[in-house]
PDB file of all heavy atoms in Angstrom:
ATOM      1  N   GLU A   1       0.799  -1.185  -0.031  1.00  0.00           N
ATOM      2  CA  GLU A   1      -0.029   0.006   0.034  1.00  0.00           C
ATOM      3  C   GLU A   1       0.917   1.231  -0.082  1.00  0.00           C
ATOM      4  O   GLU A   1       1.996   1.204   0.545  1.00  0.00           O
ATOM      5  CB  GLU A   1      -0.877   0.012   1.293  1.00  0.00           C
ATOM      6  CG  GLU A   1      -1.901  -1.078   1.234  1.00  0.00           C
ATOM      7  CD  GLU A   1      -2.933  -0.869   2.464  1.00  0.00           C
ATOM      8  OE1 GLU A   1      -2.595  -1.444   3.498  1.00  0.00           O
ATOM      9  OE2 GLU A   1      -3.998  -0.337   2.216  1.00  0.00           O
ATOM     10  N   HIS A   2       0.308   2.269  -0.480  1.00  0.00           N
ATOM     11  CA  HIS A   2       1.088   3.656  -0.585  1.00  0.00           C
ATOM     12  C   HIS A   2       1.468   4.079   0.857  1.00  0.00           C
ATOM     13  O   HIS A   2       2.374   4.864   1.061  1.00  0.00           O
ATOM     14  CB  HIS A   2       0.368   4.669  -1.392  1.00  0.00           C
ATOM     15  CG  HIS A   2      -0.745   5.190  -0.665  1.00  0.00           C
ATOM     16  ND1 HIS A   2      -1.869   4.468  -0.245  1.00  0.00           N
ATOM     17  CD2 HIS A   2      -1.099   6.537  -0.270  1.00  0.00           C
ATOM     18  CE1 HIS A   2      -2.744   5.320   0.332  1.00  0.00           C
ATOM     19  NE2 HIS A   2      -2.271   6.488   0.305  1.00  0.00           N
ATOM     20  N   SER A   3       0.735   3.588   1.876  1.00  0.00           N
ATOM     21  CA  SER A   3       0.917   4.035   3.222  1.00  0.00           C
ATOM     22  C   SER A   3       2.031   3.202   3.871  1.00  0.00           C
ATOM     23  O   SER A   3       2.134   3.377   5.167  1.00  0.00           O
ATOM     24  CB  SER A   3      -0.335   3.849   4.045  1.00  0.00           C
ATOM     25  OG  SER A   3      -0.821   2.538   3.943  1.00  0.00           O
ATOM     26  N   ALA A   4       2.739   2.341   3.071  1.00  0.00           N
ATOM     27  CA  ALA A   4       3.903   1.646   3.666  1.00  0.00           C
ATOM     28  C   ALA A   4       3.565   0.359   4.487  1.00  0.00           C
ATOM     29  O   ALA A   4       4.202   0.079   5.483  1.00  0.00           O
ATOM     30  CB  ALA A   4       4.921   2.559   4.415  1.00  0.00           C
ATOM     31  N   HIS A   5       2.481  -0.285   4.220  1.00  0.00           N
ATOM     32  CA  HIS A   5       2.149  -1.641   4.691  1.00  0.00           C
ATOM     33  C   HIS A   5       2.429  -2.671   3.617  1.00  0.00           C
ATOM     34  O   HIS A   5       2.050  -2.413   2.408  1.00  0.00           O
ATOM     35  CB  HIS A   5       0.698  -1.719   5.136  1.00  0.00           C
ATOM     36  CG  HIS A   5       0.191  -0.824   6.202  1.00  0.00           C
ATOM     37  ND1 HIS A   5      -0.275   0.403   6.047  1.00  0.00           N
ATOM     38  CD2 HIS A   5       0.169  -1.085   7.607  1.00  0.00           C
ATOM     39  CE1 HIS A   5      -0.493   0.999   7.247  1.00  0.00           C
ATOM     40  NE2 HIS A   5      -0.228   0.059   8.209  1.00  0.00           N
ATOM     41  N   TYR A   6       3.098  -3.693   4.019  1.00  0.00           N
ATOM     42  CA  TYR A   6       3.434  -4.776   3.040  1.00  0.00           C
ATOM     43  C   TYR A   6       3.124  -6.099   3.543  1.00  0.00           C
ATOM     44  O   TYR A   6       3.311  -6.484   4.696  1.00  0.00           O
ATOM     45  CB  TYR A   6       4.986  -4.773   2.689  1.00  0.00           C
ATOM     46  CG  TYR A   6       5.428  -3.326   2.382  1.00  0.00           C
ATOM     47  CD1 TYR A   6       6.105  -2.398   3.275  1.00  0.00           C
ATOM     48  CD2 TYR A   6       5.184  -2.757   1.142  1.00  0.00           C
ATOM     49  CE1 TYR A   6       6.490  -1.187   2.899  1.00  0.00           C
ATOM     50  CE2 TYR A   6       5.514  -1.500   0.720  1.00  0.00           C
ATOM     51  CZ  TYR A   6       6.231  -0.764   1.670  1.00  0.00           C
ATOM     52  OH  TYR A   6       6.625   0.679   1.356  1.00  0.00           O
ATOM     53  N   TYR A   7       2.520  -6.926   2.666  1.00  0.00           N
ATOM     54  CA  TYR A   7       1.876  -8.218   3.020  1.00  0.00           C
ATOM     55  C   TYR A   7       2.468  -9.303   2.139  1.00  0.00           C
ATOM     56  O   TYR A   7       2.806  -9.130   1.014  1.00  0.00           O
ATOM     57  CB  TYR A   7       0.354  -8.179   2.730  1.00  0.00           C
ATOM     58  CG  TYR A   7      -0.358  -6.931   3.274  1.00  0.00           C
ATOM     59  CD1 TYR A   7      -0.345  -5.760   2.553  1.00  0.00           C
ATOM     60  CD2 TYR A   7      -1.218  -7.042   4.307  1.00  0.00           C
ATOM     61  CE1 TYR A   7      -0.956  -4.641   3.022  1.00  0.00           C
ATOM     62  CE2 TYR A   7      -1.862  -5.898   4.792  1.00  0.00           C
ATOM     63  CZ  TYR A   7      -1.787  -4.709   4.263  1.00  0.00           C
ATOM     64  OH  TYR A   7      -2.474  -3.661   4.513  1.00  0.00           O
ATOM     65  N   PHE A   8       2.570 -10.505   2.858  1.00  0.00           N
ATOM     66  CA  PHE A   8       3.389 -11.515   2.175  1.00  0.00           C
ATOM     67  C   PHE A   8       2.649 -12.925   2.233  1.00  0.00           C
ATOM     68  O   PHE A   8       2.245 -13.279   3.433  1.00  0.00           O
ATOM     69  CB  PHE A   8       4.771 -11.688   2.703  1.00  0.00           C
ATOM     70  CG  PHE A   8       5.505 -10.319   2.479  1.00  0.00           C
ATOM     71  CD1 PHE A   8       5.482  -9.406   3.383  1.00  0.00           C
ATOM     72  CD2 PHE A   8       6.264 -10.188   1.327  1.00  0.00           C
ATOM     73  CE1 PHE A   8       6.241  -8.195   3.203  1.00  0.00           C
ATOM     74  CE2 PHE A   8       6.944  -9.053   1.189  1.00  0.00           C
ATOM     75  CZ  PHE A   8       6.928  -7.991   2.076  1.00  0.00           C
ATOM     76  N   LYS A   9       2.509 -13.669   1.181  1.00  0.00           N
ATOM     77  CA  LYS A   9       2.023 -14.958   1.313  1.00  0.00           C
ATOM     78  C   LYS A   9       2.744 -15.869   2.310  1.00  0.00           C
ATOM     79  O   LYS A   9       2.211 -16.693   3.096  1.00  0.00           O
ATOM     80  CB  LYS A   9       2.006 -15.628  -0.077  1.00  0.00           C
ATOM     81  CG  LYS A   9       1.479 -17.155  -0.101  1.00  0.00           C
ATOM     82  CD  LYS A   9       1.435 -17.596  -1.496  1.00  0.00           C
ATOM     83  CE  LYS A   9       0.874 -18.972  -1.654  1.00  0.00           C
ATOM     84  NZ  LYS A   9       0.807 -19.550  -2.989  1.00  0.00           N
ATOM     85  N   HIS A  10       4.081 -15.614   2.363  1.00  0.00           N
ATOM     86  CA  HIS A  10       5.000 -16.398   3.296  1.00  0.00           C
ATOM     87  C   HIS A  10       4.557 -16.305   4.762  1.00  0.00           C
ATOM     88  O   HIS A  10       4.781 -17.103   5.656  1.00  0.00           O
ATOM     89  CB  HIS A  10       6.363 -15.954   3.032  1.00  0.00           C
ATOM     90  CG  HIS A  10       7.390 -16.752   3.918  1.00  0.00           C
ATOM     91  ND1 HIS A  10       7.789 -17.991   3.584  1.00  0.00           N
ATOM     92  CD2 HIS A  10       8.140 -16.367   4.976  1.00  0.00           C
ATOM     93  CE1 HIS A  10       8.624 -18.523   4.461  1.00  0.00           C
ATOM     94  NE2 HIS A  10       8.806 -17.474   5.339  1.00  0.00           N
ATOM     95  N   THR A  11       3.988 -15.043   4.996  1.00  0.00           N
ATOM     96  CA  THR A  11       3.620 -14.780   6.356  1.00  0.00           C
ATOM     97  C   THR A  11       1.986 -14.793   6.473  1.00  0.00           C
ATOM     98  O   THR A  11       1.432 -13.954   7.083  1.00  0.00           O
ATOM     99  CB  THR A  11       4.205 -13.524   6.972  1.00  0.00           C
ATOM    100  OG1 THR A  11       3.967 -12.453   5.990  1.00  0.00           O
ATOM    101  CG2 THR A  11       5.608 -13.683   7.184  1.00  0.00           C
ATOM    102  N   TYR A  12       1.442 -15.810   5.869  1.00  0.00           N
ATOM    103  CA  TYR A  12      -0.020 -16.073   5.888  1.00  0.00           C
ATOM    104  C   TYR A  12      -0.877 -14.854   5.402  1.00  0.00           C
ATOM    105  O   TYR A  12      -1.842 -14.466   5.953  1.00  0.00           O
ATOM    106  CB  TYR A  12      -0.436 -16.382   7.289  1.00  0.00           C
ATOM    107  CG  TYR A  12       0.528 -17.431   7.899  1.00  0.00           C
ATOM    108  CD1 TYR A  12       1.558 -17.137   8.794  1.00  0.00           C
ATOM    109  CD2 TYR A  12       0.410 -18.809   7.500  1.00  0.00           C
ATOM    110  CE1 TYR A  12       2.418 -18.128   9.249  1.00  0.00           C
ATOM    111  CE2 TYR A  12       1.183 -19.718   8.007  1.00  0.00           C
ATOM    112  CZ  TYR A  12       2.233 -19.483   8.897  1.00  0.00           C
ATOM    113  OH  TYR A  12       3.115 -20.435   9.298  1.00  0.00           O
ATOM    114  N   TYR A  13      -0.375 -14.200   4.301  1.00  0.00           N
ATOM    115  CA  TYR A  13      -0.963 -13.132   3.653  1.00  0.00           C
ATOM    116  C   TYR A  13      -1.062 -11.856   4.550  1.00  0.00           C
ATOM    117  O   TYR A  13      -1.815 -10.973   4.164  1.00  0.00           O
ATOM    118  CB  TYR A  13      -2.312 -13.521   3.016  1.00  0.00           C
ATOM    119  CG  TYR A  13      -2.382 -14.747   2.177  1.00  0.00           C
ATOM    120  CD1 TYR A  13      -2.750 -15.968   2.727  1.00  0.00           C
ATOM    121  CD2 TYR A  13      -2.008 -14.467   0.777  1.00  0.00           C
ATOM    122  CE1 TYR A  13      -2.739 -17.080   1.677  1.00  0.00           C
ATOM    123  CE2 TYR A  13      -2.080 -15.637   0.059  1.00  0.00           C
ATOM    124  CZ  TYR A  13      -2.287 -16.811   0.413  1.00  0.00           C
ATOM    125  OH  TYR A  13      -2.400 -17.982  -0.497  1.00  0.00           O
ATOM    126  N   ALA A  14      -0.315 -11.780   5.576  1.00  0.00           N
ATOM    127  CA  ALA A  14      -0.501 -10.588   6.398  1.00  0.00           C
ATOM    128  C   ALA A  14       0.747  -9.764   6.373  1.00  0.00           C
ATOM    129  O   ALA A  14       1.733 -10.017   5.780  1.00  0.00           O
ATOM    130  CB  ALA A  14      -0.662 -11.214   7.939  1.00  0.00           C
ATOM    131  N   GLU A  15       0.700  -8.518   7.070  1.00  0.00           N
ATOM    132  CA  GLU A  15       1.720  -7.635   7.079  1.00  0.00           C
ATOM    133  C   GLU A  15       3.031  -8.313   7.770  1.00  0.00           C
ATOM    134  O   GLU A  15       2.826  -9.203   8.671  1.00  0.00           O
ATOM    135  CB  GLU A  15       1.416  -6.356   7.917  1.00  0.00           C
ATOM    136  CG  GLU A  15       0.224  -5.566   7.413  1.00  0.00           C
ATOM    137  CD  GLU A  15      -1.064  -5.909   8.083  1.00  0.00           C
ATOM    138  OE1 GLU A  15      -1.372  -6.923   8.329  1.00  0.00           O
ATOM    139  OE2 GLU A  15      -1.847  -4.904   8.375  1.00  0.00           O
ATOM    140  N   ASN A  16       4.134  -7.773   7.390  1.00  0.00           N
ATOM    141  CA  ASN A  16       5.300  -8.217   8.020  1.00  0.00           C
ATOM    142  C   ASN A  16       6.286  -6.997   8.278  1.00  0.00           C
ATOM    143  O   ASN A  16       6.321  -6.008   7.425  1.00  0.00           O
ATOM    144  CB  ASN A  16       6.082  -9.234   7.211  1.00  0.00           C
ATOM    145  CG  ASN A  16       7.115  -9.946   8.023  1.00  0.00           C
ATOM    146  OD1 ASN A  16       8.372  -9.624   7.992  1.00  0.00           O
ATOM    147  ND2 ASN A  16       6.777 -10.869   8.869  1.00  0.00           N
ATOM    148  N   ASP A  17       6.951  -7.027   9.265  1.00  0.00           N
ATOM    149  CA  ASP A  17       7.781  -5.905   9.665  1.00  0.00           C
ATOM    150  C   ASP A  17       9.235  -6.136   9.374  1.00  0.00           C
ATOM    151  O   ASP A  17      10.158  -5.171   9.344  1.00  0.00           O
ATOM    152  CB  ASP A  17       7.620  -5.564  11.194  1.00  0.00           C
ATOM    153  CG  ASP A  17       7.760  -6.812  12.048  1.00  0.00           C
ATOM    154  OD1 ASP A  17       8.581  -7.758  11.886  1.00  0.00           O
ATOM    155  OD2 ASP A  17       6.973  -6.928  12.953  1.00  0.00           O
ATOM    156  N   LEU A  18       9.691  -7.376   9.123  1.00  0.00           N
ATOM    157  CA  LEU A  18      11.140  -7.761   8.788  1.00  0.00           C
ATOM    158  C   LEU A  18      11.458  -7.993   7.325  1.00  0.00           C
ATOM    159  O   LEU A  18      12.449  -7.564   6.866  1.00  0.00           O
ATOM    160  CB  LEU A  18      11.509  -8.887   9.577  1.00  0.00           C
ATOM    161  CG  LEU A  18      11.810  -8.708  11.017  1.00  0.00           C
ATOM    162  CD1 LEU A  18      12.176 -10.134  11.694  1.00  0.00           C
ATOM    163  CD2 LEU A  18      13.020  -7.749  11.355  1.00  0.00           C
ATOM    164  N   ILE A  19      10.520  -8.672   6.627  1.00  0.00           N
ATOM    165  CA  ILE A  19      10.738  -9.011   5.261  1.00  0.00           C
ATOM    166  C   ILE A  19      11.019  -7.688   4.344  1.00  0.00           C
ATOM    167  O   ILE A  19      12.021  -7.722   3.578  1.00  0.00           O
ATOM    168  CB  ILE A  19       9.534  -9.819   4.676  1.00  0.00           C
ATOM    169  CG1 ILE A  19       9.527 -11.159   5.342  1.00  0.00           C
ATOM    170  CG2 ILE A  19       9.637  -9.998   3.158  1.00  0.00           C
ATOM    171  CD1 ILE A  19       8.305 -12.023   4.965  1.00  0.00           C
ATOM    172  N   PRO A  20      10.181  -6.667   4.543  1.00  0.00           N
ATOM    173  CA  PRO A  20      10.645  -5.477   3.626  1.00  0.00           C
ATOM    174  C   PRO A  20      11.920  -4.991   3.922  1.00  0.00           C
ATOM    175  O   PRO A  20      12.597  -4.485   3.021  1.00  0.00           O
ATOM    176  CB  PRO A  20       9.499  -4.449   3.990  1.00  0.00           C
ATOM    177  CG  PRO A  20       8.368  -5.328   4.662  1.00  0.00           C
ATOM    178  CD  PRO A  20       8.988  -6.461   5.235  1.00  0.00           C
ATOM    179  N   PHE A  21      12.350  -4.974   5.153  1.00  0.00           N
ATOM    180  CA  PHE A  21      13.726  -4.477   5.683  1.00  0.00           C
ATOM    181  C   PHE A  21      14.792  -5.374   4.996  1.00  0.00           C
ATOM    182  O   PHE A  21      15.754  -4.848   4.268  1.00  0.00           O
ATOM    183  CB  PHE A  21      13.701  -4.593   7.150  1.00  0.00           C
ATOM    184  CG  PHE A  21      15.093  -4.268   7.702  1.00  0.00           C
ATOM    185  CD1 PHE A  21      15.735  -3.143   7.511  1.00  0.00           C
ATOM    186  CD2 PHE A  21      15.623  -5.242   8.704  1.00  0.00           C
ATOM    187  CE1 PHE A  21      17.125  -2.853   7.977  1.00  0.00           C
ATOM    188  CE2 PHE A  21      16.856  -5.026   9.160  1.00  0.00           C
ATOM    189  CZ  PHE A  21      17.583  -3.795   8.854  1.00  0.00           C
ATOM    190  N   LEU A  22      14.707  -6.705   5.103  1.00  0.00           N
ATOM    191  CA  LEU A  22      15.638  -7.614   4.623  1.00  0.00           C
ATOM    192  C   LEU A  22      15.706  -7.604   3.070  1.00  0.00           C
ATOM    193  O   LEU A  22      16.612  -7.678   2.449  1.00  0.00           O
ATOM    194  CB  LEU A  22      15.477  -8.960   5.117  1.00  0.00           C
ATOM    195  CG  LEU A  22      15.642  -9.174   6.600  1.00  0.00           C
ATOM    196  CD1 LEU A  22      15.320 -10.540   7.073  1.00  0.00           C
ATOM    197  CD2 LEU A  22      17.025  -8.762   7.095  1.00  0.00           C
ATOM    198  N   ALA A  23      14.463  -7.596   2.502  1.00  0.00           N
ATOM    199  CA  ALA A  23      14.298  -7.663   1.036  1.00  0.00           C
ATOM    200  C   ALA A  23      15.052  -6.465   0.293  1.00  0.00           C
ATOM    201  O   ALA A  23      15.762  -6.703  -0.697  1.00  0.00           O
ATOM    202  CB  ALA A  23      12.894  -7.679   0.536  1.00  0.00           C
ATOM    203  N   ILE A  24      14.883  -5.296   0.790  1.00  0.00           N
ATOM    204  CA  ILE A  24      15.540  -4.079   0.071  1.00  0.00           C
ATOM    205  C   ILE A  24      17.045  -4.198   0.244  1.00  0.00           C
ATOM    206  O   ILE A  24      17.781  -3.822  -0.664  1.00  0.00           O
ATOM    207  CB  ILE A  24      14.967  -2.769   0.607  1.00  0.00           C
ATOM    208  CG1 ILE A  24      15.279  -1.747  -0.383  1.00  0.00           C
ATOM    209  CG2 ILE A  24      15.391  -2.498   2.004  1.00  0.00           C
ATOM    210  CD1 ILE A  24      14.742  -1.856  -1.790  1.00  0.00           C
ATOM    211  N   LEU A  25      17.503  -4.687   1.458  1.00  0.00           N
ATOM    212  CA  LEU A  25      18.870  -4.847   1.620  1.00  0.00           C
ATOM    213  C   LEU A  25      19.532  -5.863   0.672  1.00  0.00           C
ATOM    214  O   LEU A  25      20.650  -5.700   0.151  1.00  0.00           O
ATOM    215  CB  LEU A  25      19.319  -5.176   2.991  1.00  0.00           C
ATOM    216  CG  LEU A  25      18.978  -4.030   4.146  1.00  0.00           C
ATOM    217  CD1 LEU A  25      19.346  -4.692   5.487  1.00  0.00           C
ATOM    218  CD2 LEU A  25      19.739  -2.764   3.838  1.00  0.00           C
ATOM    219  N   ASP A  26      18.736  -6.961   0.545  1.00  0.00           N
ATOM    220  CA  ASP A  26      19.054  -8.091  -0.397  1.00  0.00           C
ATOM    221  C   ASP A  26      19.215  -7.577  -1.785  1.00  0.00           C
ATOM    222  O   ASP A  26      20.162  -7.925  -2.602  1.00  0.00           O
ATOM    223  CB  ASP A  26      18.252  -9.241  -0.252  1.00  0.00           C
ATOM    224  CG  ASP A  26      18.911 -10.573  -0.615  1.00  0.00           C
ATOM    225  OD1 ASP A  26      20.088 -10.665  -0.712  1.00  0.00           O
ATOM    226  OD2 ASP A  26      18.140 -11.507  -0.822  1.00  0.00           O
ATOM    227  N   LEU A  27      18.235  -6.728  -2.238  1.00  0.00           N
ATOM    228  CA  LEU A  27      18.154  -6.186  -3.548  1.00  0.00           C
ATOM    229  C   LEU A  27      19.326  -5.248  -3.810  1.00  0.00           C
ATOM    230  O   LEU A  27      20.046  -5.281  -4.858  1.00  0.00           O
ATOM    231  CB  LEU A  27      16.886  -5.525  -3.849  1.00  0.00           C
ATOM    232  CG  LEU A  27      16.755  -5.014  -5.223  1.00  0.00           C
ATOM    233  CD1 LEU A  27      16.885  -6.003  -6.313  1.00  0.00           C
ATOM    234  CD2 LEU A  27      15.333  -4.198  -5.372  1.00  0.00           C
ATOM    235  N   MET A  28      19.640  -4.459  -2.843  1.00  0.00           N
ATOM    236  CA  MET A  28      20.721  -3.549  -2.991  1.00  0.00           C
ATOM    237  C   MET A  28      22.175  -4.257  -3.046  1.00  0.00           C
ATOM    238  O   MET A  28      23.027  -3.898  -3.835  1.00  0.00           O
ATOM    239  CB  MET A  28      20.811  -2.566  -1.792  1.00  0.00           C
ATOM    240  CG  MET A  28      19.715  -1.501  -1.711  1.00  0.00           C
ATOM    241  SD  MET A  28      19.357  -0.817  -0.103  1.00  0.00           S
ATOM    242  CE  MET A  28      21.046   0.037   0.081  1.00  0.00           C
ATOM    243  N   THR A  29      22.212  -5.493  -2.266  1.00  0.00           N
ATOM    244  CA  THR A  29      23.475  -6.268  -2.419  1.00  0.00           C
ATOM    245  C   THR A  29      23.563  -6.906  -3.764  1.00  0.00           C
ATOM    246  O   THR A  29      24.623  -6.827  -4.345  1.00  0.00           O
ATOM    247  CB  THR A  29      23.248  -7.320  -1.337  1.00  0.00           C
ATOM    248  OG1 THR A  29      23.255  -6.770  -0.068  1.00  0.00           O
ATOM    249  CG2 THR A  29      24.495  -8.208  -1.260  1.00  0.00           C
ATOM    250  N   GLU A  30      22.506  -7.471  -4.139  1.00  0.00           N
ATOM    251  CA  GLU A  30      22.491  -8.134  -5.577  1.00  0.00           C
ATOM    252  C   GLU A  30      22.870  -7.208  -6.637  1.00  0.00           C
ATOM    253  O   GLU A  30      23.727  -7.634  -7.494  1.00  0.00           O
ATOM    254  CB  GLU A  30      21.119  -8.775  -5.881  1.00  0.00           C
ATOM    255  CG  GLU A  30      20.794 -10.064  -5.075  1.00  0.00           C
ATOM    256  CD  GLU A  30      19.447 -10.514  -5.426  1.00  0.00           C
ATOM    257  OE1 GLU A  30      18.687  -9.868  -6.146  1.00  0.00           O
ATOM    258  OE2 GLU A  30      19.173 -11.684  -5.039  1.00  0.00           O
ATOM    259  N   GLU A  31      22.245  -6.022  -6.677  1.00  0.00           N
ATOM    260  CA  GLU A  31      22.458  -5.144  -7.766  1.00  0.00           C
ATOM    261  C   GLU A  31      23.667  -4.249  -7.525  1.00  0.00           C
ATOM    262  O   GLU A  31      24.092  -3.545  -8.437  1.00  0.00           O
ATOM    263  CB  GLU A  31      21.158  -4.269  -7.938  1.00  0.00           C
ATOM    264  CG  GLU A  31      19.976  -5.003  -8.237  1.00  0.00           C
ATOM    265  CD  GLU A  31      19.891  -5.491  -9.589  1.00  0.00           C
ATOM    266  OE1 GLU A  31      20.573  -4.892 -10.611  1.00  0.00           O
ATOM    267  OE2 GLU A  31      19.306  -6.557  -9.878  1.00  0.00           O
ATOM    268  N   LYS A  32      24.229  -4.235  -6.448  1.00  0.00           N
ATOM    269  CA  LYS A  32      25.389  -3.336  -6.016  1.00  0.00           C
ATOM    270  C   LYS A  32      24.988  -1.854  -6.341  1.00  0.00           C
ATOM    271  O   LYS A  32      25.829  -1.206  -6.917  1.00  0.00           O
ATOM    272  CB  LYS A  32      26.623  -3.785  -6.778  1.00  0.00           C
ATOM    273  CG  LYS A  32      27.170  -5.152  -6.437  1.00  0.00           C
ATOM    274  CD  LYS A  32      28.468  -5.537  -7.267  1.00  0.00           C
ATOM    275  CE  LYS A  32      29.089  -6.846  -6.765  1.00  0.00           C
ATOM    276  NZ  LYS A  32      28.073  -7.891  -6.835  1.00  0.00           N
ATOM    277  N   LYS A  33      23.770  -1.527  -5.891  1.00  0.00           N
ATOM    278  CA  LYS A  33      23.241  -0.209  -6.122  1.00  0.00           C
ATOM    279  C   LYS A  33      22.669   0.344  -4.818  1.00  0.00           C
ATOM    280  O   LYS A  33      22.180  -0.428  -4.000  1.00  0.00           O
ATOM    281  CB  LYS A  33      22.178  -0.155  -7.193  1.00  0.00           C
ATOM    282  CG  LYS A  33      22.793  -0.535  -8.580  1.00  0.00           C
ATOM    283  CD  LYS A  33      21.665  -0.772  -9.622  1.00  0.00           C
ATOM    284  CE  LYS A  33      22.164  -1.176 -11.030  1.00  0.00           C
ATOM    285  NZ  LYS A  33      21.188  -1.526 -11.829  1.00  0.00           N
ATOM    286  N   SER A  34      22.696   1.665  -4.682  1.00  0.00           N
ATOM    287  CA  SER A  34      22.023   2.315  -3.528  1.00  0.00           C
ATOM    288  C   SER A  34      20.524   2.283  -3.832  1.00  0.00           C
ATOM    289  O   SER A  34      20.056   2.045  -5.034  1.00  0.00           O
ATOM    290  CB  SER A  34      22.614   3.760  -3.400  1.00  0.00           C
ATOM    291  OG  SER A  34      22.157   4.512  -4.523  1.00  0.00           O
ATOM    292  N   LEU A  35      19.738   2.579  -2.791  1.00  0.00           N
ATOM    293  CA  LEU A  35      18.332   2.743  -2.940  1.00  0.00           C
ATOM    294  C   LEU A  35      17.994   3.810  -3.866  1.00  0.00           C
ATOM    295  O   LEU A  35      17.143   3.671  -4.650  1.00  0.00           O
ATOM    296  CB  LEU A  35      17.600   2.874  -1.491  1.00  0.00           C
ATOM    297  CG  LEU A  35      16.173   3.060  -1.475  1.00  0.00           C
ATOM    298  CD1 LEU A  35      15.568   1.854  -2.197  1.00  0.00           C
ATOM    299  CD2 LEU A  35      15.694   3.205  -0.097  1.00  0.00           C
ATOM    300  N   SER A  36      18.624   4.947  -3.801  1.00  0.00           N
ATOM    301  CA  SER A  36      18.338   6.100  -4.749  1.00  0.00           C
ATOM    302  C   SER A  36      18.518   5.687  -6.195  1.00  0.00           C
ATOM    303  O   SER A  36      17.772   6.049  -6.994  1.00  0.00           O
ATOM    304  CB  SER A  36      19.084   7.356  -4.402  1.00  0.00           C
ATOM    305  OG  SER A  36      20.494   7.093  -4.583  1.00  0.00           O
ATOM    306  N   GLN A  37      19.612   4.851  -6.453  1.00  0.00           N
ATOM    307  CA  GLN A  37      19.922   4.395  -7.777  1.00  0.00           C
ATOM    308  C   GLN A  37      18.806   3.449  -8.284  1.00  0.00           C
ATOM    309  O   GLN A  37      18.317   3.520  -9.443  1.00  0.00           O
ATOM    310  CB  GLN A  37      21.195   3.730  -7.845  1.00  0.00           C
ATOM    311  CG  GLN A  37      22.403   4.641  -7.733  1.00  0.00           C
ATOM    312  CD  GLN A  37      23.704   3.945  -7.592  1.00  0.00           C
ATOM    313  OE1 GLN A  37      23.812   2.826  -6.961  1.00  0.00           O
ATOM    314  NE2 GLN A  37      24.858   4.354  -8.209  1.00  0.00           N
ATOM    315  N   LEU A  38      18.252   2.534  -7.501  1.00  0.00           N
ATOM    316  CA  LEU A  38      17.285   1.632  -7.740  1.00  0.00           C
ATOM    317  C   LEU A  38      15.941   2.392  -8.081  1.00  0.00           C
ATOM    318  O   LEU A  38      15.217   2.083  -9.044  1.00  0.00           O
ATOM    319  CB  LEU A  38      17.073   0.657  -6.575  1.00  0.00           C
ATOM    320  CG  LEU A  38      18.112  -0.387  -6.322  1.00  0.00           C
ATOM    321  CD1 LEU A  38      17.957  -1.111  -5.098  1.00  0.00           C
ATOM    322  CD2 LEU A  38      18.326  -1.393  -7.544  1.00  0.00           C
ATOM    323  N   LEU A  39      15.685   3.395  -7.303  1.00  0.00           N
ATOM    324  CA  LEU A  39      14.525   4.170  -7.575  1.00  0.00           C
ATOM    325  C   LEU A  39      14.532   4.958  -8.875  1.00  0.00           C
ATOM    326  O   LEU A  39      13.530   5.038  -9.567  1.00  0.00           O
ATOM    327  CB  LEU A  39      14.371   5.231  -6.369  1.00  0.00           C
ATOM    328  CG  LEU A  39      13.890   4.618  -4.945  1.00  0.00           C
ATOM    329  CD1 LEU A  39      14.090   5.594  -4.015  1.00  0.00           C
ATOM    330  CD2 LEU A  39      12.469   4.098  -5.017  1.00  0.00           C
ATOM    331  N   LYS A  40      15.771   5.430  -9.191  1.00  0.00           N
ATOM    332  CA  LYS A  40      15.858   6.120 -10.379  1.00  0.00           C
ATOM    333  C   LYS A  40      15.556   5.245 -11.566  1.00  0.00           C
ATOM    334  O   LYS A  40      15.041   5.756 -12.671  1.00  0.00           O
ATOM    335  CB  LYS A  40      17.263   6.759 -10.514  1.00  0.00           C
ATOM    336  CG  LYS A  40      17.601   7.663 -11.697  1.00  0.00           C
ATOM    337  CD  LYS A  40      18.914   8.311 -11.620  1.00  0.00           C
ATOM    338  CE  LYS A  40      19.121   9.226 -12.730  1.00  0.00           C
ATOM    339  NZ  LYS A  40      20.359   9.977 -12.705  1.00  0.00           N
ATOM    340  N   GLU A  41      15.881   3.956 -11.539  1.00  0.00           N
ATOM    341  CA  GLU A  41      15.715   3.124 -12.614  1.00  0.00           C
ATOM    342  C   GLU A  41      14.197   2.769 -12.790  1.00  0.00           C
ATOM    343  O   GLU A  41      13.868   2.231 -13.953  1.00  0.00           O
ATOM    344  CB  GLU A  41      16.461   1.769 -12.351  1.00  0.00           C
ATOM    345  CG  GLU A  41      17.975   1.951 -12.423  1.00  0.00           C
ATOM    346  CD  GLU A  41      18.804   0.575 -12.073  1.00  0.00           C
ATOM    347  OE1 GLU A  41      18.070  -0.270 -11.771  1.00  0.00           O
ATOM    348  OE2 GLU A  41      20.015   0.699 -12.130  1.00  0.00           O
ATOM    349  N   LEU A  42      13.408   3.111 -11.844  1.00  0.00           N
ATOM    350  CA  LEU A  42      11.962   2.937 -12.063  1.00  0.00           C
ATOM    351  C   LEU A  42      11.314   3.805 -13.143  1.00  0.00           C
ATOM    352  O   LEU A  42      10.312   3.494 -13.698  1.00  0.00           O
ATOM    353  CB  LEU A  42      11.220   3.152 -10.690  1.00  0.00           C
ATOM    354  CG  LEU A  42      11.525   2.036  -9.602  1.00  0.00           C
ATOM    355  CD1 LEU A  42      10.781   2.500  -8.386  1.00  0.00           C
ATOM    356  CD2 LEU A  42      11.022   0.664 -10.011  1.00  0.00           C
TER     357      LEU A  42
END
């Protein structure tokens, strides 16, 4: 949601407080890019 709630099938279709945190760090690691660079590519 635009209000910064994120839901995952892995956590029974409900919100999660850790997955968004870890996922963006993992994406930054994989791509070797900062968050601002990833956003620019959108």
